[in-house]
Amino acid sequence: MMFQDIDYVEKFDGVWALASIHHLYRAELEDVLMKIYTALKPDGVLFFNARFGENKYDNKYGKHFNEFTQKSFRKFIKSNVLLNQFEIKEEFISADKREGREEQWYCAILKK
């Protein structure tokens, strides 16, 4: 199932979106996050991460990337009335653990 096809209502205690939905374009990312919010049970949680930074770009293979910092992610969430219902419970920066990789990742735990 594609994230865009989510149509559940209060079905899940949590959603783990590790290095996945940050590949959506911003408008689509907003829509998917709203769908995830609807799919979460009351007090459900979402783990979200994206590369750490301020950019939006397509790489040479055509894969799209959204980068976020704590400040830019909070601004993104607050810019949408529905997404603003998420409570950001925790944020942290994580180093990429894959061999030969030096990227950092912005990580957030959000609560419905």
C-alpha atoms as a PDB file:
ATOM      1  CA  MET A   1       0.000   0.000   0.000  1.00  0.00           C
ATOM      2  CA  MET A   2       1.198   3.475  -0.820  1.00  0.00           C
ATOM      3  CA  PHE A   3       1.099   6.096   1.927  1.00  0.00           C
ATOM      4  CA  GLN A   4      -1.160   8.152  -0.334  1.00  0.00           C
ATOM      5  CA  ASP A   5      -3.772   5.352  -0.177  1.00  0.00           C
ATOM      6  CA  ILE A   6      -4.143   5.319   3.613  1.00  0.00           C
ATOM      7  CA  ASP A   7      -7.815   5.535   4.510  1.00  0.00           C
ATOM      8  CA  TYR A   8      -7.951   4.135   8.039  1.00  0.00           C
ATOM      9  CA  VAL A   9      -9.685   5.888  10.920  1.00  0.00           C
ATOM     10  CA  GLU A  10      -8.252   5.474  14.436  1.00  0.00           C
ATOM     11  CA  LYS A  11      -6.806   2.063  13.585  1.00  0.00           C
ATOM     12  CA  PHE A  12      -3.176   2.243  14.730  1.00  0.00           C
ATOM     13  CA  ASP A  13      -1.369   2.886  18.019  1.00  0.00           C
ATOM     14  CA  GLY A  14       1.707   4.001  16.106  1.00  0.00           C
ATOM     15  CA  VAL A  15       3.208   4.562  12.679  1.00  0.00           C
ATOM     16  CA  TRP A  16       6.927   4.165  11.970  1.00  0.00           C
ATOM     17  CA  ALA A  17       7.880   6.291   8.938  1.00  0.00           C
ATOM     18  CA  LEU A  18      11.646   5.767   8.813  1.00  0.00           C
ATOM     19  CA  ALA A  19      13.367   7.423   5.841  1.00  0.00           C
ATOM     20  CA  SER A  20      10.278   7.054   3.703  1.00  0.00           C
ATOM     21  CA  ILE A  21       7.705   9.836   3.484  1.00  0.00           C
ATOM     22  CA  HIS A  22      10.371  12.554   3.332  1.00  0.00           C
ATOM     23  CA  HIS A  23      10.602  11.579  -0.362  1.00  0.00           C
ATOM     24  CA  LEU A  24       7.142  13.036  -1.063  1.00  0.00           C
ATOM     25  CA  TYR A  25       6.736  16.550  -2.429  1.00  0.00           C
ATOM     26  CA  ARG A  26       5.617  18.994   0.282  1.00  0.00           C
ATOM     27  CA  ALA A  27       1.920  19.185  -0.703  1.00  0.00           C
ATOM     28  CA  GLU A  28       1.749  15.387  -0.855  1.00  0.00           C
ATOM     29  CA  LEU A  29       3.664  15.107   2.430  1.00  0.00           C
ATOM     30  CA  GLU A  30       1.079  17.336   4.117  1.00  0.00           C
ATOM     31  CA  ASP A  31      -1.732  15.148   2.774  1.00  0.00           C
ATOM     32  CA  VAL A  32      -0.061  11.911   3.902  1.00  0.00           C
ATOM     33  CA  LEU A  33       0.667  13.287   7.382  1.00  0.00           C
ATOM     34  CA  MET A  34      -3.013  14.250   7.702  1.00  0.00           C
ATOM     35  CA  LYS A  35      -4.000  10.719   6.650  1.00  0.00           C
ATOM     36  CA  ILE A  36      -1.617   9.259   9.227  1.00  0.00           C
ATOM     37  CA  TYR A  37      -3.085  11.563  11.877  1.00  0.00           C
ATOM     38  CA  THR A  38      -6.577  10.270  11.032  1.00  0.00           C
ATOM     39  CA  ALA A  39      -5.350   6.656  11.057  1.00  0.00           C
ATOM     40  CA  LEU A  40      -3.865   6.987  14.554  1.00  0.00           C
ATOM     41  CA  LYS A  41      -5.915   6.115  17.602  1.00  0.00           C
ATOM     42  CA  PRO A  42      -6.246   8.812  20.278  1.00  0.00           C
ATOM     43  CA  ASP A  43      -2.800   9.272  21.865  1.00  0.00           C
ATOM     44  CA  GLY A  44      -1.243   7.357  18.947  1.00  0.00           C
ATOM     45  CA  VAL A  45       2.310   8.238  17.940  1.00  0.00           C
ATOM     46  CA  LEU A  46       4.184   8.803  14.705  1.00  0.00           C
ATOM     47  CA  PHE A  47       7.927   8.426  14.266  1.00  0.00           C
ATOM     48  CA  PHE A  48       9.105  10.597  11.369  1.00  0.00           C
ATOM     49  CA  ASN A  49      12.567  11.315  10.059  1.00  0.00           C
ATOM     50  CA  ALA A  50      14.206  13.148   7.185  1.00  0.00           C
ATOM     51  CA  ARG A  51      17.688  14.182   6.293  1.00  0.00           C
ATOM     52  CA  PHE A  52      18.862  17.067   8.436  1.00  0.00           C
ATOM     53  CA  GLY A  53      19.025  20.356   6.544  1.00  0.00           C
ATOM     54  CA  GLU A  54      16.973  23.067   4.876  1.00  0.00           C
ATOM     55  CA  ASN A  55      16.723  21.849   1.296  1.00  0.00           C
ATOM     56  CA  LYS A  56      14.153  20.275  -1.020  1.00  0.00           C
ATOM     57  CA  TYR A  57      15.659  18.639  -4.100  1.00  0.00           C
ATOM     58  CA  ASP A  58      15.600  15.794  -6.604  1.00  0.00           C
ATOM     59  CA  ASN A  59      18.790  13.747  -6.788  1.00  0.00           C
ATOM     60  CA  LYS A  60      20.404  12.603 -10.028  1.00  0.00           C
ATOM     61  CA  TYR A  61      18.210   9.465  -9.994  1.00  0.00           C
ATOM     62  CA  GLY A  62      14.992  11.494  -9.753  1.00  0.00           C
ATOM     63  CA  LYS A  63      14.329  10.692  -6.097  1.00  0.00           C
ATOM     64  CA  HIS A  64      12.882  13.653  -4.194  1.00  0.00           C
ATOM     65  CA  PHE A  65      14.176  14.676  -0.760  1.00  0.00           C
ATOM     66  CA  ASN A  66      12.797  17.006   1.909  1.00  0.00           C
ATOM     67  CA  GLU A  67      15.317  17.996   4.537  1.00  0.00           C
ATOM     68  CA  PHE A  68      14.232  19.392   7.888  1.00  0.00           C
ATOM     69  CA  THR A  69      15.698  20.978  10.988  1.00  0.00           C
ATOM     70  CA  GLN A  70      13.806  21.327  14.253  1.00  0.00           C
ATOM     71  CA  LYS A  71      12.857  24.881  13.290  1.00  0.00           C
ATOM     72  CA  SER A  72      11.794  24.108   9.712  1.00  0.00           C
ATOM     73  CA  PHE A  73       9.769  21.036  10.708  1.00  0.00           C
ATOM     74  CA  ARG A  74       7.919  22.971  13.418  1.00  0.00           C
ATOM     75  CA  LYS A  75       7.188  25.725  10.887  1.00  0.00           C
ATOM     76  CA  PHE A  76       5.965  23.112   8.372  1.00  0.00           C
ATOM     77  CA  ILE A  77       3.647  21.496  10.944  1.00  0.00           C
ATOM     78  CA  LYS A  78       2.319  24.816  12.244  1.00  0.00           C
ATOM     79  CA  SER A  79       1.590  26.105   8.721  1.00  0.00           C
ATOM     80  CA  ASN A  80      -1.244  23.588   8.345  1.00  0.00           C
ATOM     81  CA  VAL A  81      -4.236  23.815  10.692  1.00  0.00           C
ATOM     82  CA  LEU A  82      -4.804  20.052  10.662  1.00  0.00           C
ATOM     83  CA  LEU A  83      -1.144  19.081  11.050  1.00  0.00           C
ATOM     84  CA  ASN A  84      -0.856  21.564  13.897  1.00  0.00           C
ATOM     85  CA  GLN A  85      -2.979  19.124  15.919  1.00  0.00           C
ATOM     86  CA  PHE A  86       0.070  16.878  16.253  1.00  0.00           C
ATOM     87  CA  GLU A  87       2.023  17.421  19.445  1.00  0.00           C
ATOM     88  CA  ILE A  88       5.768  17.146  18.947  1.00  0.00           C
ATOM     89  CA  LYS A  89       6.860  15.052  21.928  1.00  0.00           C
ATOM     90  CA  GLU A  90      10.533  14.640  21.108  1.00  0.00           C
ATOM     91  CA  GLU A  91      13.051  15.748  18.494  1.00  0.00           C
ATOM     92  CA  PHE A  92      16.646  14.698  17.998  1.00  0.00           C
ATOM     93  CA  ILE A  93      19.395  14.463  15.416  1.00  0.00           C
ATOM     94  CA  SER A  94      20.748  11.015  14.586  1.00  0.00           C
ATOM     95  CA  ALA A  95      23.879  10.047  12.682  1.00  0.00           C
ATOM     96  CA  ASP A  96      23.505   7.689   9.734  1.00  0.00           C
ATOM     97  CA  LYS A  97      24.762   4.279  10.881  1.00  0.00           C
ATOM     98  CA  ARG A  98      25.277   2.800   7.420  1.00  0.00           C
ATOM     99  CA  GLU A  99      28.885   2.130   6.471  1.00  0.00           C
ATOM    100  CA  GLY A 100      30.473   4.979   4.554  1.00  0.00           C
ATOM    101  CA  ARG A 101      27.565   7.375   5.176  1.00  0.00           C
ATOM    102  CA  GLU A 102      27.912  10.661   7.012  1.00  0.00           C
ATOM    103  CA  GLU A 103      24.396  12.104   6.757  1.00  0.00           C
ATOM    104  CA  GLN A 104      22.552  13.323   9.791  1.00  0.00           C
ATOM    105  CA  TRP A 105      18.831  12.752  10.244  1.00  0.00           C
ATOM    106  CA  TYR A 106      16.207  14.946  11.877  1.00  0.00           C
ATOM    107  CA  CYS A 107      13.896  12.688  13.899  1.00  0.00           C
ATOM    108  CA  ALA A 108      10.585  13.529  15.550  1.00  0.00           C
ATOM    109  CA  ILE A 109       8.074  11.673  17.656  1.00  0.00           C
ATOM    110  CA  LEU A 110       4.603  13.175  17.281  1.00  0.00           C
ATOM    111  CA  LYS A 111       1.498  12.400  19.301  1.00  0.00           C
ATOM    112  CA  LYS A 112      -2.117  12.642  18.231  1.00  0.00           C
END
